[in-house]
Amino acid sequence: MMNLRILCIGDVVGTAGCGFLRSHLPAFKKLHHVDLVICNGENSADGNGITPKSADHLFTSGVDVITLGNHSFRRKEVYPYLDEQPTIIRPLNYPSPMTPGKGICTVDMGFTQVTVINLMGQEYIDARVDNPFTAMERLLPKLDEGIVMIDFHAEATSEKRAMALWLDGKVSAVFGTHTHVMTADAEVLPGGTGYITDLGMTGTIDSVLGVKKDIVINRFLTKLPARFDYENGACKMDCTLFEIDHKSGKCLSATSFELR
């Protein structure tokens, strides 16, 4: 039996997060025999969003597939890039066919294929998207055989877990992103789907989700709007390693790591 080891990395925040990923990912891949890396990059550009420059940085650092979320279209310079680059995907359930990019990609591993899908939740998140459950319901019959990995970019833990339980046995893994805090629930569900509610964050530790803490604290104190600037300093990389049986597509193990 040949297993595939797929590493999923939590939201990369700014230059600090990108730099930390570049300095730590290659050694981690070698040590843990990682076959494929999926990374959420929607906050990888300083000032929010993602740019071609920050996306290229992630790819040249060892990332194979970049997923996005509610900040997918914050930077207009990335729009053509989303259409041109096959392994960067934005949430599938954006409602318009005119939306730049696509919500699904397939990576040919030779002996099997890995399909990566990006979805976005509707609960407590500022995004006008279609129902992610019905979007997946329409997509499931069209999926080719192989491994299917889903980044569910959502705020509500209940929405993420409900999605995973609904898809249990139908996909290889469902991993949540967006909240930037790693949850302690990496597991294999009864039907063989790997799951974690949120992968966490790759960015500055002494911050509020990667943002300078004084800015966020003052916003809570005053309720006034403020421009978020990313913090610098010591970083971490939160990630989860899923081991998948390439024949059945079932997840065999899900193990979380926090690199500092």
Protein backbone atom coordinates (compact mmCIF):
# COMPACT_ATOMS: atom_id res chain seq x y z
CA MET A 1 0.00 0.00 0.00
CA MET A 2 1.35 3.41 -0.98
CA ASN A 3 0.23 6.31 1.17
CA LEU A 4 0.31 9.98 0.25
CA ARG A 5 1.41 12.51 2.87
CA ILE A 6 -0.29 15.87 2.33
CA LEU A 7 0.70 18.88 4.45
CA CYS A 8 -1.88 21.64 4.93
CA ILE A 9 -0.60 24.99 6.26
CA GLY A 10 -2.64 27.61 8.09
CA ASP A 11 -3.16 31.17 6.82
CA VAL A 12 0.19 32.79 5.98
CA VAL A 13 0.28 36.39 7.20
CA GLY A 14 2.46 38.99 5.50
CA THR A 15 6.17 39.14 4.81
CA ALA A 16 7.00 37.71 8.23
CA GLY A 17 4.86 34.62 7.66
CA CYS A 18 6.15 34.15 4.12
CA GLY A 19 9.74 34.38 5.31
CA PHE A 20 9.20 31.92 8.15
CA LEU A 21 7.54 29.43 5.81
CA ARG A 22 10.43 29.66 3.35
CA SER A 23 13.00 29.03 6.09
CA HIS A 24 11.19 26.05 7.66
CA LEU A 25 9.10 24.26 5.02
CA PRO A 26 11.87 22.56 2.99
CA ALA A 27 13.38 20.82 6.03
CA PHE A 28 9.95 19.82 7.33
CA LYS A 29 9.01 18.30 3.97
CA LYS A 30 12.19 16.25 3.92
CA LEU A 31 11.93 15.12 7.55
CA HIS A 32 8.29 14.02 7.25
CA HIS A 33 8.42 12.75 3.65
CA VAL A 34 5.73 15.18 2.49
CA ASP A 35 4.39 14.52 -1.03
CA LEU A 36 2.17 17.59 -1.49
CA VAL A 37 1.77 20.96 0.24
CA ILE A 38 -1.47 22.97 0.35
CA CYS A 39 -1.29 26.41 1.92
CA ASN A 40 -3.84 29.16 2.55
CA GLY A 41 -2.29 32.36 1.21
CA GLU A 42 -5.08 34.92 1.26
CA ASN A 43 -3.22 37.13 3.79
CA SER A 44 0.27 36.65 2.38
CA ALA A 45 0.67 40.18 1.00
CA ASP A 46 1.47 43.02 3.37
CA GLY A 47 -1.62 45.18 3.75
CA ASN A 48 -3.95 42.18 3.30
CA GLY A 49 -4.89 39.94 0.39
CA ILE A 50 -2.55 38.17 -1.99
CA THR A 51 -0.45 39.48 -4.88
CA PRO A 52 1.40 37.68 -7.67
CA LYS A 53 4.62 38.43 -5.79
CA SER A 54 3.50 36.86 -2.51
CA ALA A 55 1.95 33.89 -4.35
CA ASP A 56 5.18 33.28 -6.27
CA HIS A 57 7.08 33.44 -2.98
CA LEU A 58 4.93 30.66 -1.54
CA PHE A 59 5.29 28.51 -4.66
CA THR A 60 9.07 28.88 -4.78
CA SER A 61 9.24 28.06 -1.06
CA GLY A 62 7.78 24.59 -1.65
CA VAL A 63 4.00 25.10 -1.71
CA ASP A 64 2.17 23.15 -4.43
CA VAL A 65 -1.38 24.53 -4.13
CA ILE A 66 -2.52 27.89 -2.71
CA THR A 67 -6.06 28.29 -1.39
CA LEU A 68 -7.75 31.60 -0.58
CA GLY A 69 -10.82 33.01 1.21
CA ASN A 70 -12.69 36.22 1.92
CA HIS A 71 -9.65 38.39 1.00
CA SER A 72 -9.17 36.69 -2.38
CA PHE A 73 -9.96 39.82 -4.38
CA ARG A 74 -8.57 42.50 -2.06
CA ARG A 75 -5.76 43.24 -4.55
CA LYS A 76 -6.79 43.79 -8.16
CA GLU A 77 -3.33 43.00 -9.50
CA VAL A 78 -3.91 39.34 -8.65
CA TYR A 79 -7.02 38.96 -10.83
CA PRO A 80 -5.20 37.93 -14.05
CA TYR A 81 -2.87 35.70 -12.02
CA LEU A 82 -5.84 33.75 -10.67
CA ASP A 83 -6.93 32.96 -14.22
CA GLU A 84 -3.44 32.06 -15.44
CA GLN A 85 -2.00 30.03 -12.56
CA PRO A 86 -3.62 26.56 -12.36
CA THR A 87 -2.70 25.75 -8.76
CA ILE A 88 -4.05 28.81 -6.95
CA ILE A 89 -7.77 28.60 -6.19
CA ARG A 90 -10.38 30.88 -4.63
CA PRO A 91 -13.65 29.76 -2.99
CA LEU A 92 -15.74 27.66 -5.36
CA ASN A 93 -19.05 29.10 -4.16
CA TYR A 94 -18.63 32.64 -5.42
CA PRO A 95 -21.91 33.09 -7.29
CA SER A 96 -20.86 34.74 -10.55
CA PRO A 97 -19.25 33.00 -13.55
CA MET A 98 -17.44 36.33 -14.07
CA THR A 99 -15.47 35.91 -10.82
CA PRO A 100 -11.72 35.66 -11.53
CA GLY A 101 -10.05 32.30 -11.01
CA LYS A 102 -11.53 28.92 -10.18
CA GLY A 103 -12.46 27.01 -7.05
CA ILE A 104 -10.92 23.64 -7.82
CA CYS A 105 -7.68 22.23 -9.19
CA THR A 106 -6.24 18.76 -9.73
CA VAL A 107 -2.61 17.79 -9.23
CA ASP A 108 -1.34 14.74 -11.11
CA MET A 109 0.88 12.71 -8.77
CA GLY A 110 1.59 10.03 -11.37
CA PHE A 111 0.07 7.08 -9.54
CA THR A 112 -2.99 9.07 -8.42
CA GLN A 113 -4.62 12.48 -8.64
CA VAL A 114 -5.22 14.96 -5.85
CA THR A 115 -8.17 17.30 -6.27
CA VAL A 116 -8.13 20.41 -4.07
CA ILE A 117 -11.35 22.37 -3.49
CA ASN A 118 -11.72 25.77 -1.78
CA LEU A 119 -15.04 26.63 -0.12
CA MET A 120 -16.15 29.60 1.98
CA GLY A 121 -18.68 29.63 4.79
CA GLN A 122 -21.68 31.92 5.18
CA GLU A 123 -21.97 32.21 8.98
CA TYR A 124 -20.44 35.29 10.69
CA ILE A 125 -18.18 36.09 7.74
CA ASP A 126 -18.31 39.12 5.47
CA ALA A 127 -18.70 37.42 2.11
CA ARG A 128 -21.57 37.17 -0.34
CA VAL A 129 -21.25 33.60 -1.50
CA ASP A 130 -23.61 30.78 -2.36
CA ASN A 131 -24.40 28.02 0.10
CA PRO A 132 -21.22 25.91 0.35
CA PHE A 133 -23.22 22.75 1.10
CA THR A 134 -25.29 22.96 -2.07
CA ALA A 135 -22.19 23.94 -4.05
CA MET A 136 -20.53 20.70 -2.91
CA GLU A 137 -23.72 18.73 -3.49
CA ARG A 138 -23.63 19.79 -7.14
CA LEU A 139 -19.91 19.08 -7.46
CA LEU A 140 -19.64 15.66 -5.81
CA PRO A 141 -21.07 13.59 -8.72
CA LYS A 142 -18.61 15.27 -11.10
CA LEU A 143 -15.45 14.50 -9.13
CA ASP A 144 -12.98 12.04 -10.59
CA GLU A 145 -11.67 9.16 -8.54
CA GLY A 146 -8.68 9.88 -6.36
CA ILE A 147 -7.87 11.99 -3.34
CA VAL A 148 -10.05 15.02 -2.56
CA MET A 149 -8.88 17.71 -0.12
CA ILE A 150 -11.12 20.62 0.95
CA ASP A 151 -10.09 23.93 2.50
CA PHE A 152 -13.25 25.26 4.14
CA HIS A 153 -12.57 28.92 4.86
CA ALA A 154 -15.17 29.77 7.49
CA GLU A 155 -15.71 31.49 10.82
CA ALA A 156 -18.22 29.26 12.60
CA THR A 157 -16.83 26.04 14.07
CA SER A 158 -20.29 24.47 13.79
CA GLU A 159 -20.42 25.16 10.04
CA LYS A 160 -16.97 23.61 9.53
CA ARG A 161 -17.72 20.49 11.56
CA ALA A 162 -21.13 20.04 9.95
CA MET A 163 -19.50 20.18 6.52
CA ALA A 164 -16.92 17.58 7.51
CA LEU A 165 -19.48 15.20 8.99
CA TRP A 166 -21.72 15.59 5.95
CA LEU A 167 -18.79 14.79 3.64
CA ASP A 168 -17.37 12.00 5.81
CA GLY A 169 -16.52 9.06 3.57
CA LYS A 170 -17.00 11.15 0.41
CA VAL A 171 -13.72 13.12 0.47
CA SER A 172 -10.25 12.50 1.88
CA ALA A 173 -9.97 15.49 4.22
CA VAL A 174 -11.69 18.71 5.27
CA PHE A 175 -9.52 21.33 6.95
CA GLY A 176 -10.74 24.69 8.20
CA THR A 177 -8.99 28.02 7.75
CA HIS A 178 -9.74 31.71 8.49
CA THR A 179 -9.67 32.02 12.30
CA HIS A 180 -5.84 31.86 12.55
CA VAL A 181 -6.02 29.79 15.76
CA MET A 182 -5.16 26.10 15.57
CA THR A 183 -7.81 23.85 17.08
CA ALA A 184 -6.96 20.72 19.06
CA ASP A 185 -9.24 18.35 17.14
CA ALA A 186 -7.24 16.83 14.28
CA GLU A 187 -8.81 13.42 13.71
CA VAL A 188 -10.02 10.82 11.25
CA LEU A 189 -13.81 10.70 11.17
CA PRO A 190 -15.65 7.34 11.20
CA GLY A 191 -16.08 7.24 7.41
CA GLY A 192 -12.38 7.85 6.74
CA THR A 193 -12.28 11.62 6.21
CA GLY A 194 -9.48 13.56 7.91
CA TYR A 195 -10.56 16.69 9.73
CA ILE A 196 -9.41 19.71 11.72
CA THR A 197 -11.62 22.71 12.51
CA ASP A 198 -8.83 25.23 11.87
CA LEU A 199 -5.22 24.81 10.79
CA GLY A 200 -4.09 27.99 12.56
CA MET A 201 -1.67 30.63 11.28
CA THR A 202 1.79 31.14 9.86
CA GLY A 203 2.95 34.50 11.14
CA THR A 204 4.07 36.58 14.08
CA ILE A 205 3.37 35.07 17.49
CA ASP A 206 3.19 38.30 19.53
CA SER A 207 0.24 39.69 17.60
CA VAL A 208 -3.52 39.43 17.22
CA LEU A 209 -3.89 36.96 14.36
CA GLY A 210 -0.77 38.44 12.76
CA VAL A 211 -1.88 42.08 13.15
CA LYS A 212 -0.12 44.56 15.49
CA LYS A 213 -1.80 44.01 18.84
CA ASP A 214 -2.09 47.70 19.82
CA ILE A 215 -4.14 48.45 16.70
CA VAL A 216 -6.63 45.67 17.41
CA ILE A 217 -6.88 46.36 21.15
CA ASN A 218 -7.52 50.06 20.48
CA ARG A 219 -10.20 49.15 17.97
CA PHE A 220 -12.00 47.09 20.60
CA LEU A 221 -11.64 49.90 23.16
CA THR A 222 -12.85 52.73 20.91
CA LYS A 223 -14.98 50.91 18.31
CA LEU A 224 -13.33 53.15 15.70
CA PRO A 225 -12.13 51.80 12.35
CA ALA A 226 -8.40 51.24 11.95
CA ARG A 227 -6.05 50.11 9.23
CA PHE A 228 -4.55 46.74 10.09
CA ASP A 229 -0.76 46.55 9.83
CA TYR A 230 0.98 43.20 10.17
CA GLU A 231 3.40 42.63 13.05
CA ASN A 232 7.02 41.53 12.80
CA GLY A 233 8.97 39.38 15.23
CA ALA A 234 9.27 35.73 16.20
CA CYS A 235 6.97 33.56 14.09
CA LYS A 236 5.37 30.13 14.02
CA MET A 237 3.93 27.86 11.35
CA ASP A 238 0.77 25.90 12.17
CA CYS A 239 0.03 22.92 9.94
CA THR A 240 -1.59 19.49 9.80
CA LEU A 241 -0.19 16.44 8.03
CA PHE A 242 -2.77 14.06 6.54
CA GLU A 243 -1.74 10.56 5.52
CA ILE A 244 -4.00 9.25 2.76
CA ASP A 245 -4.35 5.77 1.25
CA HIS A 246 -3.93 6.50 -2.45
CA LYS A 247 -6.13 3.58 -3.53
CA SER A 248 -9.19 4.18 -1.36
CA GLY A 249 -8.74 7.91 -0.82
CA LYS A 250 -9.37 7.37 2.89
CA CYS A 251 -7.42 9.29 5.51
CA LEU A 252 -5.29 7.12 7.77
CA SER A 253 -4.00 9.78 10.18
CA ALA A 254 -4.14 13.51 10.90
CA THR A 255 -1.33 15.06 12.93
CA SER A 256 -0.96 18.74 13.82
CA PHE A 257 2.34 20.61 14.23
CA GLU A 258 3.34 24.04 15.49
CA LEU A 259 6.80 25.04 14.27
CA ARG A 260 8.55 27.86 16.11
